[in-house]
Each structure stands twice: as structure tokens, then as C-alpha cells.
Amino acid sequence: IFTFSQMEHKQALYEAASRRGDFYDDHETFINRSHADYVYVAGSRVLANVVISDLVEALEDSDADIARLYTRVPRQMIEYHPNERLVSLDEAGYINELQVEGVTPIESDTVLYDMNMSIVPTKIMLEIIEKAESQDINQNLDDILIQFLSDYKTVGVEHHGYIANIDSINAYYQASMDMLEAEAYTELFQNKQSIYTKGHNGVPTFYAKGADVKHSQLATGCEIFGTVFHSQLFRKVVVEAEAEVSHSIILQGCKIGKGAKVSYAILDKNVTVEPGAVIEGKPDDLIVIGKHEVIKRSDF
């Protein structure tokens, strides 16, 4: 996997200089050198366990040019999210159009949500890039694919299973809390394909005699002397005696001092909450603390 994380900066430079022509050179070079039959194009907000081979199979079993994922979700999941799109299908299961949320009123309880994930034959992807270049359109690949999707026959492939749209702090928090529920966790992590990640071998988490931990997920290397409820703790987190952590996400290396209380909060890496300090958010008003911050008793 190669990432082109500089594309937004590159886009700004091209627009400022009215530059044309070679915006997609990195993508074209990678695609040509890969000698692959297909390109998988996806946005970065949707969380789901997708079996890409199922998309390829759906494309090869149809007479479509592109295969694109969608899923059925409650209208509340995307209502008032203007960057999201709804899928309109014909009777044969091909995509008629992608409708921008908010333009067409939603009248049903559920909608077909476009997941912004597609399998595209390499030849067609290069053709779409060429169209974008000829029209001086400098955008991410998923954006130009959407822009030219109507030029191609696209089959819709329905995704079944857990999905989250991580488009805000609250959405990230809710998806993390979802993982405390067995059904959502199983759908995402114990699907028919395994998920591989970078290994971090470490000692098991230590639970002291007075520790009280319920309905939470804890990574390795933690030391728990206090109370943890309905929370996620990353690696090497210390919760000292009489400290309480609830409804929170505590990232790697944080230390919650004796008697401190943290609720409805997200603490980034290596935050220190001093003894007796209180961080108390609300379900609709989360408190987010940046990396390496030191929270004193007088801060909140």
C-alpha cells in the first residue's frame, strides 16, 4: 500500500499556480507498475469489514464496468450529513445515481447508504483520471470516481454487517463504545475474514486486589488499582487507587492519578491526570484532551 497523504497540499499549490496536467502522476505510476487487473477505491470515513473479493466477484458476474458498495441504514445515521450520498438502484440492481443527502427529502425509515467503496478495472480508472486531467479537475480519486460514475454502468453490491461513519469526534466515540457490545464487535472483527494488525507483544494487564472493572476493553500492559466502567483503555494505561474512569476512551500511556475521576472523555496519548483532578464531560458534550497534557485539580 502506498499513501499519497500530500494530495490536499498539492491541490492547494496547483490551484494557487493555475497549474495543469500532472496532478495524478503518482497514482498513474503506481497503478501502471502494479500490473493489477483492478483498483480498489475508497474514502476514509466508513468503518466496515469488507471482503474485496466479493466485490470483484460481483463485478465479474455482471456486465457492469464498476462495482460499488452500499448498505441499508436507519435514516438518522446520515440525515443532516451533507457530505453523504444515497444510492438509487434500478430493478436489476444497477446504480441509477448517487443523491446528495439533503437535496432529496428522506421519507422512509431506512435508506440505501453509499459507502464510497468501489472496485474499478485498471483501464477504466486510468480513463477516469485522464478525463479529470483534461478538465483540470484536481481531487482525490474517490471524488473524481463519483464525478464520472454516471459515464459507466455500475452494479450495486449490498454490504451486510456493522458499519460506522467516522465523520466527527462524537461518531468516533460512538463507534468505539459500540465495540463494547458483543454483536457489533463480532460483526466487525470476527467476520469471515481475519483482520491483521501490527503486533505489540507486552505483559498482561495487572489488576490489583481492589480493582473494579466492568464492561470495558483493556489492552496489554495496563495497571488497574481503581475503577473502570464502560470504557476502552489502550496499552500501558495506569489507573491508580480510588480513581474512577467511566464512559471514556483512554489512549496509550495515560496515567489517572489517585482519586481522580474521568467520565465521557477522550484522552490522547500520555496524558497525566493528577491525583484528585476531575474531567467530567457529558454524553452530548465530550471532553477531548490532547497528547502529553497534564490535568491538574484546578483545571476543570
C-alpha atoms as a PDB file:
ATOM      1  CA  ILE A   1       0.000   0.000   0.000  1.00  0.00           C
ATOM      2  CA  PHE A   2       1.285   3.434  -0.947  1.00  0.00           C
ATOM      3  CA  THR A   3      -0.371   6.509   0.523  1.00  0.00           C
ATOM      4  CA  PHE A   4      -0.371   9.922  -1.069  1.00  0.00           C
ATOM      5  CA  SER A   5      -1.135  11.932   2.040  1.00  0.00           C
ATOM      6  CA  GLN A   6       0.116  15.147   0.500  1.00  0.00           C
ATOM      7  CA  MET A   7      -2.716  15.417  -2.027  1.00  0.00           C
ATOM      8  CA  GLU A   8      -4.648  18.214  -0.302  1.00  0.00           C
ATOM      9  CA  HIS A   9      -1.462  20.297  -0.035  1.00  0.00           C
ATOM     10  CA  LYS A  10      -0.674  19.511  -3.657  1.00  0.00           C
ATOM     11  CA  GLN A  11      -4.187  20.520  -4.681  1.00  0.00           C
ATOM     12  CA  ALA A  12      -3.815  23.914  -2.978  1.00  0.00           C
ATOM     13  CA  LEU A  13      -0.493  24.518  -4.718  1.00  0.00           C
ATOM     14  CA  TYR A  14      -1.923  23.649  -8.136  1.00  0.00           C
ATOM     15  CA  GLU A  15      -4.921  25.912  -7.636  1.00  0.00           C
ATOM     16  CA  ALA A  16      -2.748  28.809  -6.467  1.00  0.00           C
ATOM     17  CA  ALA A  17      -0.480  28.491  -9.525  1.00  0.00           C
ATOM     18  CA  SER A  18      -3.233  27.552 -12.020  1.00  0.00           C
ATOM     19  CA  ARG A  19      -1.124  24.505 -12.799  1.00  0.00           C
ATOM     20  CA  ARG A  20      -2.447  21.773 -15.088  1.00  0.00           C
ATOM     21  CA  GLY A  21      -1.702  18.294 -16.317  1.00  0.00           C
ATOM     22  CA  ASP A  22       0.299  16.108 -13.951  1.00  0.00           C
ATOM     23  CA  PHE A  23      -1.697  16.151 -10.694  1.00  0.00           C
ATOM     24  CA  TYR A  24      -2.341  12.382 -10.834  1.00  0.00           C
ATOM     25  CA  ASP A  25       1.150  11.285 -11.889  1.00  0.00           C
ATOM     26  CA  ASP A  26       1.814   9.448  -8.603  1.00  0.00           C
ATOM     27  CA  HIS A  27      -1.415   7.488  -8.919  1.00  0.00           C
ATOM     28  CA  GLU A  28      -0.856   6.645 -12.573  1.00  0.00           C
ATOM     29  CA  THR A  29       2.690   5.477 -11.900  1.00  0.00           C
ATOM     30  CA  PHE A  30       1.582   3.249  -9.037  1.00  0.00           C
ATOM     31  CA  ILE A  31      -1.364   1.786 -10.946  1.00  0.00           C
ATOM     32  CA  ASN A  32       0.706   1.054 -14.065  1.00  0.00           C
ATOM     33  CA  ARG A  33       3.569  -0.504 -12.130  1.00  0.00           C
ATOM     34  CA  SER A  34       1.244  -2.688 -10.071  1.00  0.00           C
ATOM     35  CA  HIS A  35       0.109  -4.632 -13.178  1.00  0.00           C
ATOM     36  CA  ALA A  36      -3.154  -5.292 -11.309  1.00  0.00           C
ATOM     37  CA  ASP A  37      -6.465  -6.004 -13.006  1.00  0.00           C
ATOM     38  CA  TYR A  38      -8.485  -3.863 -10.603  1.00  0.00           C
ATOM     39  CA  VAL A  39      -8.179  -0.788  -8.398  1.00  0.00           C
ATOM     40  CA  TYR A  40      -9.988  -0.604  -5.067  1.00  0.00           C
ATOM     41  CA  VAL A  41     -11.041   2.994  -4.415  1.00  0.00           C
ATOM     42  CA  ALA A  42     -12.418   4.035  -1.029  1.00  0.00           C
ATOM     43  CA  GLY A  43     -12.914   7.066   1.165  1.00  0.00           C
ATOM     44  CA  SER A  44     -11.541   7.174   4.694  1.00  0.00           C
ATOM     45  CA  ARG A  45     -14.572   7.719   6.924  1.00  0.00           C
ATOM     46  CA  VAL A  46     -16.542   4.467   6.721  1.00  0.00           C
ATOM     47  CA  LEU A  47     -15.665   1.724   9.192  1.00  0.00           C
ATOM     48  CA  ALA A  48     -16.635  -1.768   7.993  1.00  0.00           C
ATOM     49  CA  ASN A  49     -15.190  -5.224   7.419  1.00  0.00           C
ATOM     50  CA  VAL A  50     -15.274  -5.515   3.627  1.00  0.00           C
ATOM     51  CA  VAL A  51     -14.318  -8.624   1.682  1.00  0.00           C
ATOM     52  CA  ILE A  52     -12.896  -7.128  -1.516  1.00  0.00           C
ATOM     53  CA  SER A  53     -13.019 -10.442  -3.377  1.00  0.00           C
ATOM     54  CA  ASP A  54     -16.825 -10.345  -3.051  1.00  0.00           C
ATOM     55  CA  LEU A  55     -16.812  -7.018  -4.911  1.00  0.00           C
ATOM     56  CA  VAL A  56     -14.616  -8.460  -7.645  1.00  0.00           C
ATOM     57  CA  GLU A  57     -16.903 -11.482  -7.963  1.00  0.00           C
ATOM     58  CA  ALA A  58     -19.992  -9.287  -8.218  1.00  0.00           C
ATOM     59  CA  LEU A  59     -18.350  -7.235 -10.951  1.00  0.00           C
ATOM     60  CA  GLU A  60     -17.235 -10.270 -12.942  1.00  0.00           C
ATOM     61  CA  ASP A  61     -20.699 -11.863 -12.653  1.00  0.00           C
ATOM     62  CA  SER A  62     -22.343  -8.770 -14.139  1.00  0.00           C
ATOM     63  CA  ASP A  63     -21.957  -6.772 -17.330  1.00  0.00           C
ATOM     64  CA  ALA A  64     -21.100  -3.657 -15.330  1.00  0.00           C
ATOM     65  CA  ASP A  65     -17.977  -1.536 -15.602  1.00  0.00           C
ATOM     66  CA  ILE A  66     -17.717  -0.829 -11.853  1.00  0.00           C
ATOM     67  CA  ALA A  67     -18.953  -2.478  -8.629  1.00  0.00           C
ATOM     68  CA  ARG A  68     -19.829  -0.196  -5.708  1.00  0.00           C
ATOM     69  CA  LEU A  69     -20.793  -0.947  -2.106  1.00  0.00           C
ATOM     70  CA  TYR A  70     -23.882   0.288  -0.330  1.00  0.00           C
ATOM     71  CA  THR A  71     -25.734  -0.706   2.822  1.00  0.00           C
ATOM     72  CA  ARG A  72     -29.158  -0.157   4.331  1.00  0.00           C
ATOM     73  CA  VAL A  73     -29.062   2.044   7.440  1.00  0.00           C
ATOM     74  CA  PRO A  74     -31.559   3.985   9.582  1.00  0.00           C
ATOM     75  CA  ARG A  75     -32.201   7.454   8.170  1.00  0.00           C
ATOM     76  CA  GLN A  76     -30.875   9.017  11.410  1.00  0.00           C
ATOM     77  CA  MET A  77     -27.380   7.751  10.614  1.00  0.00           C
ATOM     78  CA  ILE A  78     -26.885  10.099   7.663  1.00  0.00           C
ATOM     79  CA  GLU A  79     -29.663  12.665   7.982  1.00  0.00           C
ATOM     80  CA  TYR A  80     -28.193  16.179   8.180  1.00  0.00           C
ATOM     81  CA  HIS A  81     -24.810  14.888   6.978  1.00  0.00           C
ATOM     82  CA  PRO A  82     -24.428  16.859   3.727  1.00  0.00           C
ATOM     83  CA  ASN A  83     -21.255  15.034   2.643  1.00  0.00           C
ATOM     84  CA  GLU A  84     -23.050  11.685   2.415  1.00  0.00           C
ATOM     85  CA  ARG A  85     -24.847  10.145  -0.544  1.00  0.00           C
ATOM     86  CA  LEU A  86     -27.842   7.877  -1.053  1.00  0.00           C
ATOM     87  CA  VAL A  87     -27.922   5.137  -3.652  1.00  0.00           C
ATOM     88  CA  SER A  88     -30.729   4.845  -6.187  1.00  0.00           C
ATOM     89  CA  LEU A  89     -30.977   1.386  -7.803  1.00  0.00           C
ATOM     90  CA  ASP A  90     -32.891   0.131 -10.806  1.00  0.00           C
ATOM     91  CA  GLU A  91     -34.780  -3.153 -10.809  1.00  0.00           C
ATOM     92  CA  ALA A  92     -31.689  -5.068 -11.950  1.00  0.00           C
ATOM     93  CA  GLY A  93     -29.542  -3.761  -9.092  1.00  0.00           C
ATOM     94  CA  TYR A  94     -27.561  -1.205 -11.060  1.00  0.00           C
ATOM     95  CA  ILE A  95     -26.958   2.267  -9.656  1.00  0.00           C
ATOM     96  CA  ASN A  96     -29.027   4.981 -11.314  1.00  0.00           C
ATOM     97  CA  GLU A  97     -27.496   7.847  -9.385  1.00  0.00           C
ATOM     98  CA  LEU A  98     -25.913   8.935  -6.136  1.00  0.00           C
ATOM     99  CA  GLN A  99     -28.088  11.525  -4.433  1.00  0.00           C
ATOM    100  CA  VAL A 100     -26.501  14.037  -2.069  1.00  0.00           C
ATOM    101  CA  GLU A 101     -28.144  13.896   1.363  1.00  0.00           C
ATOM    102  CA  GLY A 102     -30.312  16.930   1.993  1.00  0.00           C
ATOM    103  CA  VAL A 103     -31.139  17.582  -1.666  1.00  0.00           C
ATOM    104  CA  THR A 104     -33.892  14.952  -1.830  1.00  0.00           C
ATOM    105  CA  PRO A 105     -36.145  14.660   1.257  1.00  0.00           C
ATOM    106  CA  ILE A 106     -35.902  11.303   3.053  1.00  0.00           C
ATOM    107  CA  GLU A 107     -39.354   9.823   3.530  1.00  0.00           C
ATOM    108  CA  SER A 108     -38.572   6.238   4.581  1.00  0.00           C
ATOM    109  CA  ASP A 109     -37.226   4.948   7.904  1.00  0.00           C
ATOM    110  CA  THR A 110     -34.194   3.372   6.213  1.00  0.00           C
ATOM    111  CA  VAL A 111     -32.036   4.443   3.286  1.00  0.00           C
ATOM    112  CA  LEU A 112     -29.505   2.901   0.937  1.00  0.00           C
ATOM    113  CA  TYR A 113     -26.251   4.493   2.041  1.00  0.00           C
ATOM    114  CA  ASP A 114     -23.357   4.821  -0.385  1.00  0.00           C
ATOM    115  CA  MET A 115     -20.212   3.507   1.349  1.00  0.00           C
ATOM    116  CA  ASN A 116     -17.838   5.250  -1.095  1.00  0.00           C
ATOM    117  CA  MET A 117     -16.046   1.968  -1.851  1.00  0.00           C
ATOM    118  CA  SER A 118     -15.635   0.600  -5.376  1.00  0.00           C
ATOM    119  CA  ILE A 119     -13.789  -1.969  -7.453  1.00  0.00           C
ATOM    120  CA  VAL A 120     -12.754  -0.435 -10.772  1.00  0.00           C
ATOM    121  CA  PRO A 121     -10.923  -2.159 -13.641  1.00  0.00           C
ATOM    122  CA  THR A 122      -7.494  -0.585 -14.026  1.00  0.00           C
ATOM    123  CA  LYS A 123      -8.212   0.508 -17.599  1.00  0.00           C
ATOM    124  CA  ILE A 124     -11.349   2.395 -16.526  1.00  0.00           C
ATOM    125  CA  MET A 125      -9.630   4.027 -13.557  1.00  0.00           C
ATOM    126  CA  LEU A 126      -6.874   5.352 -15.808  1.00  0.00           C
ATOM    127  CA  GLU A 127      -9.547   6.541 -18.223  1.00  0.00           C
ATOM    128  CA  ILE A 128     -11.317   8.452 -15.426  1.00  0.00           C
ATOM    129  CA  ILE A 129      -8.012  10.026 -14.371  1.00  0.00           C
ATOM    130  CA  GLU A 130      -7.443  11.110 -17.968  1.00  0.00           C
ATOM    131  CA  LYS A 131     -10.905  12.724 -18.049  1.00  0.00           C
ATOM    132  CA  ALA A 132     -10.187  14.594 -14.818  1.00  0.00           C
ATOM    133  CA  GLU A 133      -6.854  15.832 -16.167  1.00  0.00           C
ATOM    134  CA  SER A 134      -8.410  17.004 -19.432  1.00  0.00           C
ATOM    135  CA  GLN A 135     -10.991  19.025 -17.470  1.00  0.00           C
ATOM    136  CA  ASP A 136      -8.433  20.362 -14.999  1.00  0.00           C
ATOM    137  CA  ILE A 137     -10.120  18.634 -12.020  1.00  0.00           C
ATOM    138  CA  ASN A 138      -7.683  18.097  -9.146  1.00  0.00           C
ATOM    139  CA  GLN A 139      -9.341  15.951  -6.483  1.00  0.00           C
ATOM    140  CA  ASN A 140      -8.961  12.689  -4.590  1.00  0.00           C
ATOM    141  CA  LEU A 141      -9.592   9.528  -6.600  1.00  0.00           C
ATOM    142  CA  ASP A 142     -12.811   8.710  -4.762  1.00  0.00           C
ATOM    143  CA  ASP A 143     -14.141  12.177  -5.601  1.00  0.00           C
ATOM    144  CA  ILE A 144     -13.385  12.005  -9.317  1.00  0.00           C
ATOM    145  CA  LEU A 145     -14.816   8.483  -9.427  1.00  0.00           C
ATOM    146  CA  ILE A 146     -18.098   9.856  -8.069  1.00  0.00           C
ATOM    147  CA  GLN A 147     -17.966  12.737 -10.533  1.00  0.00           C
ATOM    148  CA  PHE A 148     -17.677  10.447 -13.568  1.00  0.00           C
ATOM    149  CA  LEU A 149     -19.669   7.469 -12.231  1.00  0.00           C
ATOM    150  CA  SER A 150     -22.653   8.228 -14.464  1.00  0.00           C
ATOM    151  CA  ASP A 151     -20.454   7.599 -17.521  1.00  0.00           C
ATOM    152  CA  TYR A 152     -20.202   3.919 -16.596  1.00  0.00           C
ATOM    153  CA  LYS A 153     -22.535   1.046 -15.777  1.00  0.00           C
ATOM    154  CA  THR A 154     -22.211   0.411 -12.045  1.00  0.00           C
ATOM    155  CA  VAL A 155     -23.603  -2.562 -10.160  1.00  0.00           C
ATOM    156  CA  GLY A 156     -24.558  -2.061  -6.534  1.00  0.00           C
ATOM    157  CA  VAL A 157     -23.300  -4.607  -4.011  1.00  0.00           C
ATOM    158  CA  GLU A 158     -25.038  -4.640  -0.637  1.00  0.00           C
ATOM    159  CA  HIS A 159     -22.883  -4.875   2.478  1.00  0.00           C
ATOM    160  CA  HIS A 160     -24.234  -6.729   5.496  1.00  0.00           C
ATOM    161  CA  GLY A 161     -22.695  -6.194   8.901  1.00  0.00           C
ATOM    162  CA  TYR A 162     -21.502  -3.470  11.205  1.00  0.00           C
ATOM    163  CA  ILE A 163     -20.832  -0.039   9.729  1.00  0.00           C
ATOM    164  CA  ALA A 164     -19.963   3.356  11.201  1.00  0.00           C
ATOM    165  CA  ASN A 165     -19.402   6.731   9.590  1.00  0.00           C
ATOM    166  CA  ILE A 166     -16.460   8.357  11.413  1.00  0.00           C
ATOM    167  CA  ASP A 167     -17.068  11.956  10.409  1.00  0.00           C
ATOM    168  CA  SER A 168     -16.800  13.628  13.831  1.00  0.00           C
ATOM    169  CA  ILE A 169     -15.426  13.233  17.355  1.00  0.00           C
ATOM    170  CA  ASN A 170     -18.837  12.035  18.539  1.00  0.00           C
ATOM    171  CA  ALA A 171     -19.004   9.449  15.747  1.00  0.00           C
ATOM    172  CA  TYR A 172     -15.545   8.131  16.666  1.00  0.00           C
ATOM    173  CA  TYR A 173     -16.591   7.908  20.314  1.00  0.00           C
ATOM    174  CA  GLN A 174     -19.841   6.104  19.490  1.00  0.00           C
ATOM    175  CA  ALA A 175     -18.123   3.579  17.217  1.00  0.00           C
ATOM    176  CA  SER A 176     -15.597   2.863  19.969  1.00  0.00           C
ATOM    177  CA  MET A 177     -18.379   2.358  22.511  1.00  0.00           C
ATOM    178  CA  ASP A 178     -20.158   0.077  20.032  1.00  0.00           C
ATOM    179  CA  MET A 179     -17.185  -2.273  20.285  1.00  0.00           C
ATOM    180  CA  LEU A 180     -18.110  -2.942  23.918  1.00  0.00           C
ATOM    181  CA  GLU A 181     -21.214  -4.718  22.614  1.00  0.00           C
ATOM    182  CA  ALA A 182     -20.714  -8.333  21.598  1.00  0.00           C
ATOM    183  CA  GLU A 183     -22.819  -8.210  18.428  1.00  0.00           C
ATOM    184  CA  ALA A 184     -21.080  -5.184  16.918  1.00  0.00           C
ATOM    185  CA  TYR A 185     -17.623  -6.421  17.926  1.00  0.00           C
ATOM    186  CA  THR A 186     -18.251  -9.844  16.382  1.00  0.00           C
ATOM    187  CA  GLU A 187     -19.595  -8.399  13.135  1.00  0.00           C
ATOM    188  CA  LEU A 188     -16.544  -6.157  12.690  1.00  0.00           C
ATOM    189  CA  PHE A 189     -13.679  -8.278  13.981  1.00  0.00           C
ATOM    190  CA  GLN A 190     -14.849 -11.875  13.667  1.00  0.00           C
ATOM    191  CA  ASN A 191     -16.294 -11.808  10.202  1.00  0.00           C
ATOM    192  CA  LYS A 192     -15.425 -14.450   7.604  1.00  0.00           C
ATOM    193  CA  GLN A 193     -12.057 -12.820   7.017  1.00  0.00           C
ATOM    194  CA  SER A 194      -9.397 -12.225   9.639  1.00  0.00           C
ATOM    195  CA  ILE A 195      -8.043  -8.786  10.498  1.00  0.00           C
ATOM    196  CA  TYR A 196      -4.285  -8.469  10.823  1.00  0.00           C
ATOM    197  CA  THR A 197      -2.585  -5.629  12.612  1.00  0.00           C
ATOM    198  CA  LYS A 198       0.862  -4.728  13.872  1.00  0.00           C
ATOM    199  CA  GLY A 199       1.786  -6.846  16.882  1.00  0.00           C
ATOM    200  CA  HIS A 200       2.719  -5.271  20.212  1.00  0.00           C
ATOM    201  CA  ASN A 201       3.939  -8.011  22.496  1.00  0.00           C
ATOM    202  CA  GLY A 202       3.775  -6.971  26.126  1.00  0.00           C
ATOM    203  CA  VAL A 203       2.995  -8.084  29.621  1.00  0.00           C
ATOM    204  CA  PRO A 204      -0.648  -8.762  30.540  1.00  0.00           C
ATOM    205  CA  THR A 205      -2.671  -6.077  32.256  1.00  0.00           C
ATOM    206  CA  PHE A 206      -2.342  -6.139  36.059  1.00  0.00           C
ATOM    207  CA  TYR A 207      -5.491  -5.963  38.168  1.00  0.00           C
ATOM    208  CA  ALA A 208      -4.805  -5.141  41.816  1.00  0.00           C
ATOM    209  CA  LYS A 209      -6.872  -6.626  44.625  1.00  0.00           C
ATOM    210  CA  GLY A 210      -9.051  -3.524  44.912  1.00  0.00           C
ATOM    211  CA  ALA A 211      -9.598  -3.033  41.177  1.00  0.00           C
ATOM    212  CA  ASP A 212     -13.166  -2.967  39.862  1.00  0.00           C
ATOM    213  CA  VAL A 213     -13.522  -3.342  36.077  1.00  0.00           C
ATOM    214  CA  LYS A 214     -16.830  -3.854  34.274  1.00  0.00           C
ATOM    215  CA  HIS A 215     -17.999  -3.755  30.638  1.00  0.00           C
ATOM    216  CA  SER A 216     -14.677  -2.455  29.330  1.00  0.00           C
ATOM    217  CA  GLN A 217     -11.850  -3.363  26.956  1.00  0.00           C
ATOM    218  CA  LEU A 218      -8.262  -3.072  28.112  1.00  0.00           C
ATOM    219  CA  ALA A 219      -5.089  -3.607  26.109  1.00  0.00           C
ATOM    220  CA  THR A 220      -1.879  -5.119  27.456  1.00  0.00           C
ATOM    221  CA  GLY A 221       0.467  -3.523  29.941  1.00  0.00           C
ATOM    222  CA  CYS A 222      -2.137  -1.591  31.956  1.00  0.00           C
ATOM    223  CA  GLU A 223      -2.079  -1.339  35.739  1.00  0.00           C
ATOM    224  CA  ILE A 224      -5.505  -1.064  37.347  1.00  0.00           C
ATOM    225  CA  PHE A 225      -5.917  -0.235  41.014  1.00  0.00           C
ATOM    226  CA  GLY A 226      -9.162   1.768  40.786  1.00  0.00           C
ATOM    227  CA  THR A 227     -12.489   1.546  38.952  1.00  0.00           C
ATOM    228  CA  VAL A 228     -13.073   1.254  35.191  1.00  0.00           C
ATOM    229  CA  PHE A 229     -16.591   1.099  33.753  1.00  0.00           C
ATOM    230  CA  HIS A 230     -17.845   1.086  30.141  1.00  0.00           C
ATOM    231  CA  SER A 231     -14.535   2.325  28.749  1.00  0.00           C
ATOM    232  CA  GLN A 232     -11.689   1.492  26.395  1.00  0.00           C
ATOM    233  CA  LEU A 233      -8.128   1.603  27.699  1.00  0.00           C
ATOM    234  CA  PHE A 234      -5.213   1.367  25.291  1.00  0.00           C
ATOM    235  CA  ARG A 235      -1.792  -0.049  26.175  1.00  0.00           C
ATOM    236  CA  LYS A 236       0.153   0.902  29.299  1.00  0.00           C
ATOM    237  CA  VAL A 237      -2.575   2.940  30.989  1.00  0.00           C
ATOM    238  CA  VAL A 238      -2.355   3.314  34.776  1.00  0.00           C
ATOM    239  CA  VAL A 239      -5.473   3.845  36.893  1.00  0.00           C
ATOM    240  CA  GLU A 240      -4.383   4.413  40.477  1.00  0.00           C
ATOM    241  CA  ALA A 241      -6.294   3.526  43.651  1.00  0.00           C
ATOM    242  CA  GLU A 242      -9.614   5.307  44.237  1.00  0.00           C
ATOM    243  CA  ALA A 243      -9.525   6.692  40.676  1.00  0.00           C
ATOM    244  CA  GLU A 244     -12.601   6.246  38.509  1.00  0.00           C
ATOM    245  CA  VAL A 245     -12.813   6.005  34.720  1.00  0.00           C
ATOM    246  CA  SER A 246     -16.231   5.671  33.073  1.00  0.00           C
ATOM    247  CA  HIS A 247     -17.657   6.041  29.556  1.00  0.00           C
ATOM    248  CA  SER A 248     -14.254   7.130  28.268  1.00  0.00           C
ATOM    249  CA  ILE A 249     -11.509   6.313  25.778  1.00  0.00           C
ATOM    250  CA  ILE A 250      -8.040   6.431  27.301  1.00  0.00           C
ATOM    251  CA  LEU A 251      -5.195   6.150  24.814  1.00  0.00           C
ATOM    252  CA  GLN A 252      -1.749   4.673  25.280  1.00  0.00           C
ATOM    253  CA  GLY A 253       0.456   5.699  28.178  1.00  0.00           C
ATOM    254  CA  CYS A 254      -2.059   7.801  30.106  1.00  0.00           C
ATOM    255  CA  LYS A 255      -1.924   7.937  33.903  1.00  0.00           C
ATOM    256  CA  ILE A 256      -5.011   8.549  36.024  1.00  0.00           C
ATOM    257  CA  GLY A 257      -3.875   9.654  39.482  1.00  0.00           C
ATOM    258  CA  LYS A 258      -5.204   8.565  42.871  1.00  0.00           C
ATOM    259  CA  GLY A 259      -8.763   9.714  43.472  1.00  0.00           C
ATOM    260  CA  ALA A 260      -9.077  11.308  40.033  1.00  0.00           C
ATOM    261  CA  LYS A 261     -12.300  10.953  38.047  1.00  0.00           C
ATOM    262  CA  VAL A 262     -12.683  10.801  34.265  1.00  0.00           C
ATOM    263  CA  SER A 263     -16.054  10.435  32.554  1.00  0.00           C
ATOM    264  CA  TYR A 264     -17.285  10.980  28.989  1.00  0.00           C
ATOM    265  CA  ALA A 265     -13.829  11.946  27.810  1.00  0.00           C
ATOM    266  CA  ILE A 266     -11.224  11.025  25.205  1.00  0.00           C
ATOM    267  CA  LEU A 267      -7.629  11.278  26.405  1.00  0.00           C
ATOM    268  CA  ASP A 268      -4.937  11.164  23.735  1.00  0.00           C
ATOM    269  CA  LYS A 269      -1.548   9.536  24.351  1.00  0.00           C
ATOM    270  CA  ASN A 270       0.490  10.146  27.502  1.00  0.00           C
ATOM    271  CA  VAL A 271      -1.974  12.411  29.281  1.00  0.00           C
ATOM    272  CA  THR A 272      -1.447  12.714  33.039  1.00  0.00           C
ATOM    273  CA  VAL A 273      -4.464  13.334  35.248  1.00  0.00           C
ATOM    274  CA  GLU A 274      -3.084  14.389  38.615  1.00  0.00           C
ATOM    275  CA  PRO A 275      -4.474  12.969  41.896  1.00  0.00           C
ATOM    276  CA  GLY A 276      -7.897  14.349  42.728  1.00  0.00           C
ATOM    277  CA  ALA A 277      -8.448  16.000  39.345  1.00  0.00           C
ATOM    278  CA  VAL A 278     -11.858  15.656  37.705  1.00  0.00           C
ATOM    279  CA  ILE A 279     -12.640  15.506  33.972  1.00  0.00           C
ATOM    280  CA  GLU A 280     -16.385  15.276  33.612  1.00  0.00           C
ATOM    281  CA  GLY A 281     -17.990  15.503  30.197  1.00  0.00           C
ATOM    282  CA  LYS A 282     -21.495  14.624  29.095  1.00  0.00           C
ATOM    283  CA  PRO A 283     -22.847  12.160  26.511  1.00  0.00           C
ATOM    284  CA  ASP A 284     -23.552  15.059  24.130  1.00  0.00           C
ATOM    285  CA  ASP A 285     -20.577  17.179  25.185  1.00  0.00           C
ATOM    286  CA  LEU A 286     -17.430  15.045  25.286  1.00  0.00           C
ATOM    287  CA  ILE A 287     -14.164  16.396  26.651  1.00  0.00           C
ATOM    288  CA  VAL A 288     -11.112  15.751  24.452  1.00  0.00           C
ATOM    289  CA  ILE A 289      -7.613  16.141  25.903  1.00  0.00           C
ATOM    290  CA  GLY A 290      -4.591  16.381  23.580  1.00  0.00           C
ATOM    291  CA  LYS A 291      -1.338  14.442  23.775  1.00  0.00           C
ATOM    292  CA  HIS A 292       1.016  14.908  26.736  1.00  0.00           C
ATOM    293  CA  GLU A 293      -1.320  17.280  28.593  1.00  0.00           C
ATOM    294  CA  VAL A 294      -1.181  17.416  32.408  1.00  0.00           C
ATOM    295  CA  ILE A 295      -4.576  17.922  34.032  1.00  0.00           C
ATOM    296  CA  LYS A 296      -4.470  19.491  37.481  1.00  0.00           C
ATOM    297  CA  ARG A 297      -7.204  19.604  40.141  1.00  0.00           C
ATOM    298  CA  SER A 298      -7.954  23.206  39.273  1.00  0.00           C
ATOM    299  CA  ASP A 299      -8.333  22.695  35.504  1.00  0.00           C
ATOM    300  CA  PHE A 300     -11.979  21.592  35.455  1.00  0.00           C
END
